[in-house]
Protein backbone atom coordinates (compact mmCIF):
# COMPACT_ATOMS: atom_id res chain seq x y z
CA UNK A 1 27.26 4.23 -64.78
CA UNK A 2 27.41 6.60 -61.81
CA UNK A 3 24.45 7.21 -59.52
CA UNK A 4 24.13 10.70 -60.99
CA UNK A 5 24.07 9.20 -64.50
CA UNK A 6 21.24 6.88 -63.48
CA UNK A 7 19.33 9.82 -61.99
CA UNK A 8 19.86 11.88 -65.14
CA UNK A 9 18.49 9.05 -67.27
CA UNK A 10 15.46 8.79 -64.99
CA UNK A 11 14.85 12.53 -65.30
CA UNK A 12 15.13 12.34 -69.07
CA UNK A 13 12.54 9.55 -69.23
CA UNK A 14 10.18 11.65 -67.10
CA UNK A 15 10.76 14.72 -69.30
CA UNK A 16 10.19 12.75 -72.51
CA UNK A 17 6.84 11.42 -71.33
CA UNK A 18 5.63 14.76 -69.95
CA UNK A 19 6.61 16.65 -73.10
CA UNK A 20 5.20 13.96 -75.39
CA UNK A 21 1.87 14.10 -73.55
CA UNK A 22 1.80 17.88 -73.85
CA UNK A 23 2.66 17.75 -77.56
CA UNK A 24 0.07 15.06 -78.23
CA UNK A 25 -2.66 17.10 -76.60
CA UNK A 26 -1.67 20.33 -78.36
CA UNK A 27 -1.56 18.79 -81.85
CA UNK A 28 -4.21 19.78 -84.37
CA UNK A 29 -5.76 16.35 -83.77
CA UNK A 30 -5.10 15.46 -80.15
CA UNK A 31 -4.85 11.74 -79.45
CA UNK A 32 -6.19 11.14 -75.94
CA UNK A 33 -5.16 7.47 -75.96
CA UNK A 34 -1.56 8.35 -76.79
CA UNK A 35 -1.54 11.15 -74.21
CA UNK A 36 -2.97 8.81 -71.58
CA UNK A 37 -0.26 6.25 -72.37
CA UNK A 38 2.37 8.90 -71.60
CA UNK A 39 0.60 9.86 -68.37
CA UNK A 40 0.41 6.19 -67.37
CA UNK A 41 4.12 5.76 -68.10
CA UNK A 42 4.96 8.86 -66.05
CA UNK A 43 2.79 7.62 -63.18
CA UNK A 44 4.55 4.24 -63.30
CA UNK A 45 7.98 5.89 -63.17
CA UNK A 46 7.05 8.00 -60.18
CA UNK A 47 5.42 5.06 -58.37
CA UNK A 48 8.66 3.12 -58.77
CA UNK A 49 10.76 6.02 -57.53
CA UNK A 50 8.41 6.49 -54.57
CA UNK A 51 8.71 2.78 -53.72
CA UNK A 52 12.51 3.09 -53.95
CA UNK A 53 12.49 6.28 -51.89
CA UNK A 54 14.13 8.24 -54.71
CA UNK A 55 11.18 10.30 -56.00
CA UNK A 56 12.28 13.59 -54.38
CA UNK A 57 15.90 13.09 -55.49
CA UNK A 58 14.83 12.46 -59.08
CA UNK A 59 12.14 15.13 -59.29
CA UNK A 60 13.50 18.15 -57.37
CA UNK A 61 15.99 19.21 -60.08
CA UNK A 62 13.13 19.18 -62.61
CA UNK A 63 11.47 22.05 -60.73
CA UNK A 64 13.98 24.27 -62.56
CA UNK A 65 13.43 22.73 -65.99
CA UNK A 66 13.08 25.08 -68.94
CA UNK A 67 9.66 23.63 -69.86
CA UNK A 68 6.68 24.72 -67.75
CA UNK A 69 4.98 21.35 -68.31
CA UNK A 70 7.95 19.53 -66.78
CA UNK A 71 8.09 21.93 -63.82
CA UNK A 72 4.36 21.57 -63.28
CA UNK A 73 4.43 17.77 -63.45
CA UNK A 74 7.45 17.50 -61.15
CA UNK A 75 5.84 19.85 -58.63
CA UNK A 76 2.56 17.95 -58.77
CA UNK A 77 4.20 14.62 -58.08
CA UNK A 78 6.37 16.08 -55.33
CA UNK A 79 3.31 17.54 -53.60
CA UNK A 80 1.55 14.21 -53.86
CA UNK A 81 4.53 12.30 -52.48
CA UNK A 82 5.00 14.56 -49.46
CA UNK A 83 7.97 16.63 -50.62
CA UNK A 84 6.27 19.99 -50.73
CA UNK A 85 9.08 22.36 -49.73
CA UNK A 86 10.13 23.54 -53.19
CA UNK A 87 7.18 22.11 -55.10
CA UNK A 88 4.68 24.53 -53.58
CA UNK A 89 6.81 27.55 -54.54
CA UNK A 90 7.23 26.23 -58.09
CA UNK A 91 3.49 25.67 -58.43
CA UNK A 92 2.78 29.16 -57.08
CA UNK A 93 5.21 30.60 -59.60
CA UNK A 94 3.50 28.76 -62.44
CA UNK A 95 0.08 30.13 -61.42
CA UNK A 96 1.48 33.64 -61.87
CA UNK A 97 3.24 32.99 -65.19
CA UNK A 98 1.61 34.21 -68.37
CA UNK A 99 2.06 32.60 -71.75
CA UNK A 100 2.15 28.98 -70.55
CA UNK A 101 -1.36 28.01 -71.54
CA UNK A 102 -3.07 25.33 -69.52
CA UNK A 103 -0.04 24.78 -67.28
CA UNK A 104 -1.11 27.85 -65.34
CA UNK A 105 -4.56 26.42 -64.66
CA UNK A 106 -3.19 22.97 -63.99
CA UNK A 107 -0.76 24.32 -61.38
CA UNK A 108 -3.61 26.24 -59.74
CA UNK A 109 -5.83 23.14 -59.63
CA UNK A 110 -3.07 20.97 -58.20
CA UNK A 111 -2.34 23.52 -55.48
CA UNK A 112 -6.00 23.82 -54.56
CA UNK A 113 -6.40 20.04 -54.32
CA UNK A 114 -3.19 19.63 -52.34
CA UNK A 115 -4.15 22.37 -49.90
CA UNK A 116 -7.50 20.68 -49.36
CA UNK A 117 -5.67 17.33 -49.07
CA UNK A 118 -8.13 15.87 -51.54
CA UNK A 119 -5.63 13.57 -53.23
């Protein structure tokens, strides 16, 4: 498989976990344990990419994803891993977007924490 194919698979795994966590928490009966398992899996993926030095390469294209939750998660991880160039603009955009529920507040909270360097 090509390098781009490997990167695409990595992005799809990230997307699946982010969207599954969002769906789990928005269900009529949210399951925090299941949602936390998806967050833990996403964290593990990003930790591995950061260790490999590929986190920005994997995550940057997800800043343009169709799903606000994926954009927000990708931006959050990029800010945390020192690749803020595009991530800050994406987060700012999300804070000004209506109709995305908690993603708007989450993006605002991430930006505030990042700007205070309180990671």
